[in-house]
Amino acid sequence: MTRFKQGATITPNLFWFVDLVPHKLFGLDADEPLVQSSERSLLNAREYKGIFFKGKVEERYLYASLLGSDIFPYSHLDHRIVVLPVDSSGRSFRIIKKEEVQAKGHDNMLQWLIKAEYSWGKKEKTKPPQ
């Protein structure tokens, strides 16, 4: 059990939890919607305050999720939209690396992952060694 620090979490939230951004005239592109870091995740950002994600993402990488704080007896808040590098083809889900995303030609998701990797690395470099 010493290998695990958290249960099933998606962190940092502002990298992955998003809001849809409809175009004022044309609405949403169903295949590659424009998304940005969710307002809720920005409000709760601590370590990654000041980082903001916005861009198009292929719809196959958008999922619905709930956090523990979203669930109540016999009810829940609205689902949160989350961007995940997951392949859901077949009967299972599998996390995929950016190289596989690139090989599939999913340039929008590739750019999202590159920014997430850069932002993560930049923040990790500023942490003092433990």
N, C-alpha and C. Protein backbone atom coordinates (compact mmCIF):
# COMPACT_ATOMS: atom_id res chain seq x y z
N MET A 1 0.80 -1.20 0.00
CA MET A 1 0.00 0.00 0.00
C MET A 1 0.85 1.28 0.00
N THR A 2 2.14 1.19 0.14
CA THR A 2 2.97 2.39 0.16
C THR A 2 3.12 3.01 -1.22
N ARG A 3 2.69 2.32 -2.28
CA ARG A 3 2.83 2.85 -3.64
C ARG A 3 1.71 3.81 -4.00
N PHE A 4 0.64 3.84 -3.24
CA PHE A 4 -0.51 4.68 -3.58
C PHE A 4 -0.65 5.82 -2.58
N LYS A 5 -0.90 7.02 -3.12
CA LYS A 5 -1.10 8.19 -2.27
C LYS A 5 -2.54 8.66 -2.32
N GLN A 6 -3.27 8.34 -3.41
CA GLN A 6 -4.65 8.78 -3.58
C GLN A 6 -5.46 7.64 -4.17
N GLY A 7 -6.75 7.76 -4.03
CA GLY A 7 -7.64 6.81 -4.69
C GLY A 7 -7.87 7.26 -6.12
N ALA A 8 -9.05 7.02 -6.62
CA ALA A 8 -9.38 7.39 -8.00
C ALA A 8 -9.60 8.90 -8.07
N THR A 9 -8.59 9.61 -8.57
CA THR A 9 -8.69 11.06 -8.68
C THR A 9 -8.22 11.49 -10.06
N ILE A 10 -8.66 12.65 -10.46
CA ILE A 10 -8.21 13.25 -11.70
C ILE A 10 -7.63 14.61 -11.32
N THR A 11 -6.30 14.67 -11.28
CA THR A 11 -5.65 15.89 -10.84
C THR A 11 -4.54 16.28 -11.80
N PRO A 12 -4.18 17.52 -11.82
CA PRO A 12 -4.87 18.68 -11.28
C PRO A 12 -6.17 18.94 -12.04
N ASN A 13 -7.20 19.27 -11.30
CA ASN A 13 -8.53 19.45 -11.89
C ASN A 13 -8.55 20.42 -13.05
N LEU A 14 -7.85 21.53 -12.96
CA LEU A 14 -7.97 22.53 -14.01
C LEU A 14 -7.33 22.11 -15.32
N PHE A 15 -6.52 21.04 -15.33
CA PHE A 15 -5.99 20.50 -16.58
C PHE A 15 -7.07 19.71 -17.32
N TRP A 16 -7.96 19.09 -16.58
CA TRP A 16 -8.84 18.06 -17.16
C TRP A 16 -10.33 18.40 -17.12
N PHE A 17 -10.79 19.10 -16.09
CA PHE A 17 -12.21 19.46 -15.99
C PHE A 17 -12.45 20.72 -16.81
N VAL A 18 -13.42 20.66 -17.71
CA VAL A 18 -13.60 21.76 -18.66
C VAL A 18 -15.06 22.18 -18.77
N ASP A 19 -15.23 23.37 -19.31
CA ASP A 19 -16.53 23.89 -19.70
C ASP A 19 -16.53 24.02 -21.21
N LEU A 20 -17.68 23.76 -21.83
CA LEU A 20 -17.82 23.96 -23.27
C LEU A 20 -17.91 25.45 -23.55
N VAL A 21 -17.32 25.90 -24.65
CA VAL A 21 -17.34 27.30 -25.04
C VAL A 21 -18.01 27.39 -26.41
N PRO A 22 -19.32 27.68 -26.44
CA PRO A 22 -19.99 27.77 -27.73
C PRO A 22 -19.62 29.06 -28.47
N HIS A 23 -19.55 28.97 -29.78
CA HIS A 23 -19.33 30.14 -30.61
C HIS A 23 -20.60 30.99 -30.59
N LYS A 24 -20.46 32.31 -30.58
CA LYS A 24 -21.63 33.19 -30.47
C LYS A 24 -22.62 33.01 -31.62
N LEU A 25 -22.13 32.71 -32.81
CA LEU A 25 -23.02 32.55 -33.96
C LEU A 25 -23.28 31.10 -34.33
N PHE A 26 -22.26 30.26 -34.21
CA PHE A 26 -22.35 28.91 -34.74
C PHE A 26 -22.56 27.81 -33.70
N GLY A 27 -22.56 28.16 -32.42
CA GLY A 27 -22.75 27.16 -31.38
C GLY A 27 -21.52 26.30 -31.19
N LEU A 28 -21.74 24.99 -30.99
CA LEU A 28 -20.63 24.06 -30.72
C LEU A 28 -20.31 23.22 -31.95
N ASP A 29 -19.06 22.96 -32.14
CA ASP A 29 -18.61 21.99 -33.14
C ASP A 29 -18.70 20.63 -32.47
N ALA A 30 -19.59 19.78 -32.93
CA ALA A 30 -19.82 18.48 -32.28
C ALA A 30 -18.59 17.57 -32.36
N ASP A 31 -17.79 17.69 -33.40
CA ASP A 31 -16.63 16.81 -33.56
C ASP A 31 -15.41 17.29 -32.79
N GLU A 32 -15.23 18.60 -32.72
CA GLU A 32 -14.07 19.19 -32.04
C GLU A 32 -14.51 20.44 -31.29
N PRO A 33 -15.23 20.26 -30.18
CA PRO A 33 -15.72 21.44 -29.46
C PRO A 33 -14.58 22.23 -28.82
N LEU A 34 -14.82 23.53 -28.71
CA LEU A 34 -13.90 24.40 -27.99
C LEU A 34 -14.21 24.27 -26.50
N VAL A 35 -13.18 24.02 -25.70
CA VAL A 35 -13.36 23.87 -24.26
C VAL A 35 -12.31 24.70 -23.54
N GLN A 36 -12.56 24.97 -22.27
CA GLN A 36 -11.59 25.69 -21.44
C GLN A 36 -11.67 25.15 -20.02
N SER A 37 -10.62 25.41 -19.26
CA SER A 37 -10.60 24.99 -17.85
C SER A 37 -11.90 25.43 -17.19
N SER A 38 -12.53 24.51 -16.46
CA SER A 38 -13.84 24.82 -15.89
C SER A 38 -13.74 25.90 -14.83
N GLU A 39 -14.80 26.66 -14.75
CA GLU A 39 -14.87 27.73 -13.76
C GLU A 39 -14.71 27.17 -12.35
N ARG A 40 -15.35 26.03 -12.08
CA ARG A 40 -15.25 25.41 -10.74
C ARG A 40 -13.81 25.02 -10.42
N SER A 41 -13.11 24.45 -11.41
CA SER A 41 -11.73 24.02 -11.13
C SER A 41 -10.81 25.22 -10.96
N LEU A 42 -11.07 26.30 -11.69
CA LEU A 42 -10.26 27.51 -11.52
C LEU A 42 -10.44 28.12 -10.14
N LEU A 43 -11.68 28.09 -9.64
CA LEU A 43 -11.95 28.63 -8.30
C LEU A 43 -11.23 27.84 -7.21
N ASN A 44 -11.08 26.53 -7.45
CA ASN A 44 -10.47 25.67 -6.43
C ASN A 44 -8.97 25.44 -6.65
N ALA A 45 -8.41 26.04 -7.70
CA ALA A 45 -6.99 25.83 -8.00
C ALA A 45 -6.13 26.39 -6.88
N ARG A 46 -5.17 25.60 -6.47
CA ARG A 46 -4.24 26.06 -5.43
C ARG A 46 -2.84 26.12 -6.02
N GLU A 47 -2.24 24.96 -6.18
CA GLU A 47 -0.87 24.90 -6.68
C GLU A 47 -0.73 25.45 -8.09
N TYR A 48 -1.75 25.26 -8.91
CA TYR A 48 -1.66 25.63 -10.32
C TYR A 48 -2.42 26.91 -10.63
N LYS A 49 -2.60 27.74 -9.64
CA LYS A 49 -3.30 29.02 -9.84
C LYS A 49 -2.59 29.81 -10.94
N GLY A 50 -3.36 30.40 -11.82
CA GLY A 50 -2.80 31.19 -12.91
C GLY A 50 -2.64 30.41 -14.20
N ILE A 51 -2.80 29.10 -14.16
CA ILE A 51 -2.74 28.29 -15.38
C ILE A 51 -4.15 28.14 -15.90
N PHE A 52 -4.30 28.28 -17.20
CA PHE A 52 -5.61 28.22 -17.84
C PHE A 52 -5.48 27.48 -19.16
N PHE A 53 -6.37 26.54 -19.38
CA PHE A 53 -6.36 25.77 -20.62
C PHE A 53 -7.56 26.17 -21.47
N LYS A 54 -7.33 26.33 -22.76
CA LYS A 54 -8.43 26.59 -23.70
C LYS A 54 -8.00 26.07 -25.06
N GLY A 55 -8.90 25.34 -25.71
CA GLY A 55 -8.60 24.84 -27.04
C GLY A 55 -9.64 23.83 -27.48
N LYS A 56 -9.53 23.43 -28.73
CA LYS A 56 -10.43 22.41 -29.24
C LYS A 56 -9.89 21.04 -28.84
N VAL A 57 -10.81 20.11 -28.63
CA VAL A 57 -10.45 18.73 -28.31
C VAL A 57 -11.40 17.81 -29.07
N GLU A 58 -10.88 16.75 -29.64
CA GLU A 58 -11.73 15.78 -30.33
C GLU A 58 -12.74 15.21 -29.35
N GLU A 59 -13.99 15.11 -29.79
CA GLU A 59 -15.09 14.70 -28.90
C GLU A 59 -14.87 13.34 -28.26
N ARG A 60 -14.10 12.48 -28.88
CA ARG A 60 -13.87 11.14 -28.31
C ARG A 60 -13.11 11.19 -26.99
N TYR A 61 -12.50 12.33 -26.67
CA TYR A 61 -11.76 12.47 -25.41
C TYR A 61 -12.54 13.21 -24.34
N LEU A 62 -13.82 13.47 -24.57
CA LEU A 62 -14.66 14.14 -23.58
C LEU A 62 -15.55 13.12 -22.88
N TYR A 63 -15.57 13.19 -21.56
CA TYR A 63 -16.35 12.27 -20.74
C TYR A 63 -17.12 13.07 -19.69
N ALA A 64 -18.06 12.42 -19.03
CA ALA A 64 -18.80 13.02 -17.92
C ALA A 64 -18.31 12.38 -16.63
N SER A 65 -18.21 13.18 -15.59
CA SER A 65 -17.70 12.68 -14.31
C SER A 65 -18.41 13.38 -13.16
N LEU A 66 -18.33 12.77 -12.02
CA LEU A 66 -18.80 13.37 -10.77
C LEU A 66 -17.70 13.25 -9.74
N LEU A 67 -17.55 14.25 -8.92
CA LEU A 67 -16.64 14.18 -7.78
C LEU A 67 -17.45 13.78 -6.55
N GLY A 68 -16.77 13.35 -5.52
CA GLY A 68 -17.46 12.99 -4.29
C GLY A 68 -18.30 14.13 -3.75
N SER A 69 -17.82 15.36 -3.92
CA SER A 69 -18.56 16.52 -3.42
C SER A 69 -19.80 16.84 -4.26
N ASP A 70 -19.94 16.16 -5.40
CA ASP A 70 -21.10 16.37 -6.28
C ASP A 70 -22.25 15.42 -5.96
N ILE A 71 -22.01 14.47 -5.06
CA ILE A 71 -22.98 13.41 -4.81
C ILE A 71 -23.67 13.60 -3.46
N PHE A 72 -24.99 13.46 -3.49
CA PHE A 72 -25.82 13.59 -2.29
C PHE A 72 -26.74 12.39 -2.21
N PRO A 73 -27.36 12.13 -1.07
CA PRO A 73 -28.29 11.01 -1.01
C PRO A 73 -29.39 11.16 -2.07
N TYR A 74 -29.50 10.18 -2.94
CA TYR A 74 -30.53 10.10 -3.97
C TYR A 74 -30.44 11.21 -5.02
N SER A 75 -29.30 11.90 -5.11
CA SER A 75 -29.19 13.00 -6.06
C SER A 75 -27.72 13.32 -6.34
N HIS A 76 -27.48 14.16 -7.31
CA HIS A 76 -26.14 14.65 -7.58
C HIS A 76 -26.23 15.96 -8.35
N LEU A 77 -25.15 16.72 -8.32
CA LEU A 77 -25.05 17.93 -9.12
C LEU A 77 -24.90 17.54 -10.59
N ASP A 78 -24.89 18.52 -11.46
CA ASP A 78 -24.67 18.24 -12.88
C ASP A 78 -23.33 17.54 -13.07
N HIS A 79 -23.28 16.68 -14.08
CA HIS A 79 -22.02 16.03 -14.42
C HIS A 79 -21.00 17.09 -14.84
N ARG A 80 -19.77 16.80 -14.56
CA ARG A 80 -18.67 17.66 -14.99
C ARG A 80 -18.09 17.06 -16.27
N ILE A 81 -17.75 17.92 -17.20
CA ILE A 81 -17.11 17.44 -18.43
C ILE A 81 -15.62 17.38 -18.17
N VAL A 82 -15.03 16.29 -18.59
CA VAL A 82 -13.61 16.08 -18.34
C VAL A 82 -12.93 15.60 -19.62
N VAL A 83 -11.74 16.15 -19.88
CA VAL A 83 -10.91 15.74 -21.01
C VAL A 83 -9.98 14.66 -20.48
N LEU A 84 -10.02 13.49 -21.10
CA LEU A 84 -9.17 12.38 -20.65
C LEU A 84 -8.48 11.71 -21.84
N PRO A 85 -7.19 11.45 -21.74
CA PRO A 85 -6.50 10.71 -22.80
C PRO A 85 -6.78 9.21 -22.65
N VAL A 86 -7.99 8.86 -23.02
CA VAL A 86 -8.47 7.49 -22.82
C VAL A 86 -8.99 6.94 -24.13
N ASP A 87 -8.66 5.68 -24.41
CA ASP A 87 -9.22 4.97 -25.56
C ASP A 87 -10.35 4.10 -25.01
N SER A 88 -11.56 4.37 -25.48
CA SER A 88 -12.71 3.61 -25.00
C SER A 88 -13.25 2.67 -26.07
N SER A 89 -12.42 2.37 -27.06
CA SER A 89 -12.87 1.42 -28.08
C SER A 89 -12.85 0.02 -27.49
N GLY A 90 -13.73 -0.80 -27.97
CA GLY A 90 -13.81 -2.15 -27.41
C GLY A 90 -14.64 -2.16 -26.15
N ARG A 91 -14.31 -3.06 -25.25
CA ARG A 91 -15.10 -3.26 -24.03
C ARG A 91 -14.43 -2.71 -22.78
N SER A 92 -13.36 -1.94 -22.96
CA SER A 92 -12.65 -1.43 -21.78
C SER A 92 -12.14 -0.02 -22.05
N PHE A 93 -11.59 0.57 -21.01
CA PHE A 93 -10.99 1.90 -21.10
C PHE A 93 -9.50 1.76 -20.86
N ARG A 94 -8.72 2.52 -21.62
CA ARG A 94 -7.27 2.42 -21.51
C ARG A 94 -6.67 3.81 -21.66
N ILE A 95 -5.85 4.21 -20.70
CA ILE A 95 -5.15 5.49 -20.79
C ILE A 95 -4.12 5.39 -21.91
N ILE A 96 -4.08 6.41 -22.76
CA ILE A 96 -3.12 6.39 -23.85
C ILE A 96 -2.13 7.55 -23.72
N LYS A 97 -0.93 7.32 -24.22
CA LYS A 97 0.14 8.32 -24.15
C LYS A 97 0.04 9.26 -25.34
N LYS A 98 0.71 10.38 -25.23
CA LYS A 98 0.61 11.39 -26.28
C LYS A 98 1.15 10.87 -27.61
N GLU A 99 2.09 9.95 -27.60
CA GLU A 99 2.61 9.39 -28.84
C GLU A 99 1.51 8.63 -29.61
N GLU A 100 0.66 7.94 -28.88
CA GLU A 100 -0.45 7.23 -29.52
C GLU A 100 -1.50 8.20 -30.03
N VAL A 101 -1.75 9.26 -29.26
CA VAL A 101 -2.68 10.31 -29.71
C VAL A 101 -2.15 10.92 -31.01
N GLN A 102 -0.85 11.18 -31.05
CA GLN A 102 -0.24 11.76 -32.24
C GLN A 102 -0.34 10.79 -33.43
N ALA A 103 -0.08 9.51 -33.20
CA ALA A 103 -0.16 8.51 -34.27
C ALA A 103 -1.57 8.41 -34.84
N LYS A 104 -2.58 8.68 -34.02
CA LYS A 104 -3.97 8.65 -34.47
C LYS A 104 -4.34 9.93 -35.22
N GLY A 105 -3.46 10.93 -35.21
CA GLY A 105 -3.72 12.19 -35.90
C GLY A 105 -4.68 13.10 -35.17
N HIS A 106 -4.80 12.93 -33.86
CA HIS A 106 -5.69 13.76 -33.05
C HIS A 106 -4.90 14.95 -32.51
N ASP A 107 -4.70 15.92 -33.41
CA ASP A 107 -3.81 17.05 -33.11
C ASP A 107 -4.30 17.92 -31.97
N ASN A 108 -5.61 18.09 -31.84
CA ASN A 108 -6.13 18.94 -30.75
C ASN A 108 -5.82 18.33 -29.39
N MET A 109 -6.06 17.04 -29.25
CA MET A 109 -5.77 16.37 -27.97
C MET A 109 -4.27 16.34 -27.73
N LEU A 110 -3.50 16.16 -28.78
CA LEU A 110 -2.04 16.20 -28.64
C LEU A 110 -1.59 17.53 -28.07
N GLN A 111 -2.11 18.64 -28.58
CA GLN A 111 -1.74 19.96 -28.07
C GLN A 111 -2.16 20.13 -26.61
N TRP A 112 -3.33 19.59 -26.26
CA TRP A 112 -3.81 19.65 -24.86
C TRP A 112 -2.82 18.91 -23.94
N LEU A 113 -2.41 17.72 -24.37
CA LEU A 113 -1.49 16.92 -23.56
C LEU A 113 -0.11 17.57 -23.46
N ILE A 114 0.34 18.18 -24.53
CA ILE A 114 1.64 18.87 -24.50
C ILE A 114 1.59 20.02 -23.50
N LYS A 115 0.51 20.78 -23.51
CA LYS A 115 0.38 21.90 -22.56
C LYS A 115 0.29 21.37 -21.13
N ALA A 116 -0.46 20.29 -20.93
CA ALA A 116 -0.57 19.71 -19.58
C ALA A 116 0.78 19.22 -19.09
N GLU A 117 1.52 18.54 -19.97
CA GLU A 117 2.84 18.04 -19.61
C GLU A 117 3.80 19.18 -19.28
N TYR A 118 3.77 20.23 -20.10
CA TYR A 118 4.62 21.39 -19.86
C TYR A 118 4.25 22.06 -18.53
N SER A 119 2.95 22.29 -18.31
CA SER A 119 2.51 22.95 -17.08
C SER A 119 2.85 22.12 -15.85
N TRP A 120 2.69 20.82 -15.95
CA TRP A 120 3.03 19.92 -14.85
C TRP A 120 4.52 19.98 -14.57
N GLY A 121 5.34 19.87 -15.61
CA GLY A 121 6.79 19.89 -15.45
C GLY A 121 7.29 21.20 -14.90
N LYS A 122 6.72 22.29 -15.37
CA LYS A 122 7.10 23.62 -14.89
C LYS A 122 6.81 23.75 -13.40
N LYS A 123 5.66 23.28 -12.97
CA LYS A 123 5.29 23.36 -11.55
C LYS A 123 6.15 22.44 -10.70
N GLU A 124 6.42 21.23 -11.20
CA GLU A 124 7.23 20.27 -10.45
C GLU A 124 8.65 20.78 -10.26
N LYS A 125 9.18 21.52 -11.22
CA LYS A 125 10.54 22.06 -11.10
C LYS A 125 10.64 23.12 -10.03
N THR A 126 9.53 23.79 -9.73
CA THR A 126 9.57 24.85 -8.71
C THR A 126 9.37 24.31 -7.30
N LYS A 127 9.03 23.03 -7.17
CA LYS A 127 8.84 22.46 -5.84
C LYS A 127 10.21 22.15 -5.21
N PRO A 128 10.34 22.37 -3.92
CA PRO A 128 11.59 22.00 -3.26
C PRO A 128 11.71 20.47 -3.19
N PRO A 129 12.94 19.94 -3.25
CA PRO A 129 13.11 18.50 -3.14
C PRO A 129 12.62 17.98 -1.78
N GLN A 130 12.08 16.79 -1.79
CA GLN A 130 11.54 16.21 -0.53
C GLN A 130 12.49 15.20 0.06
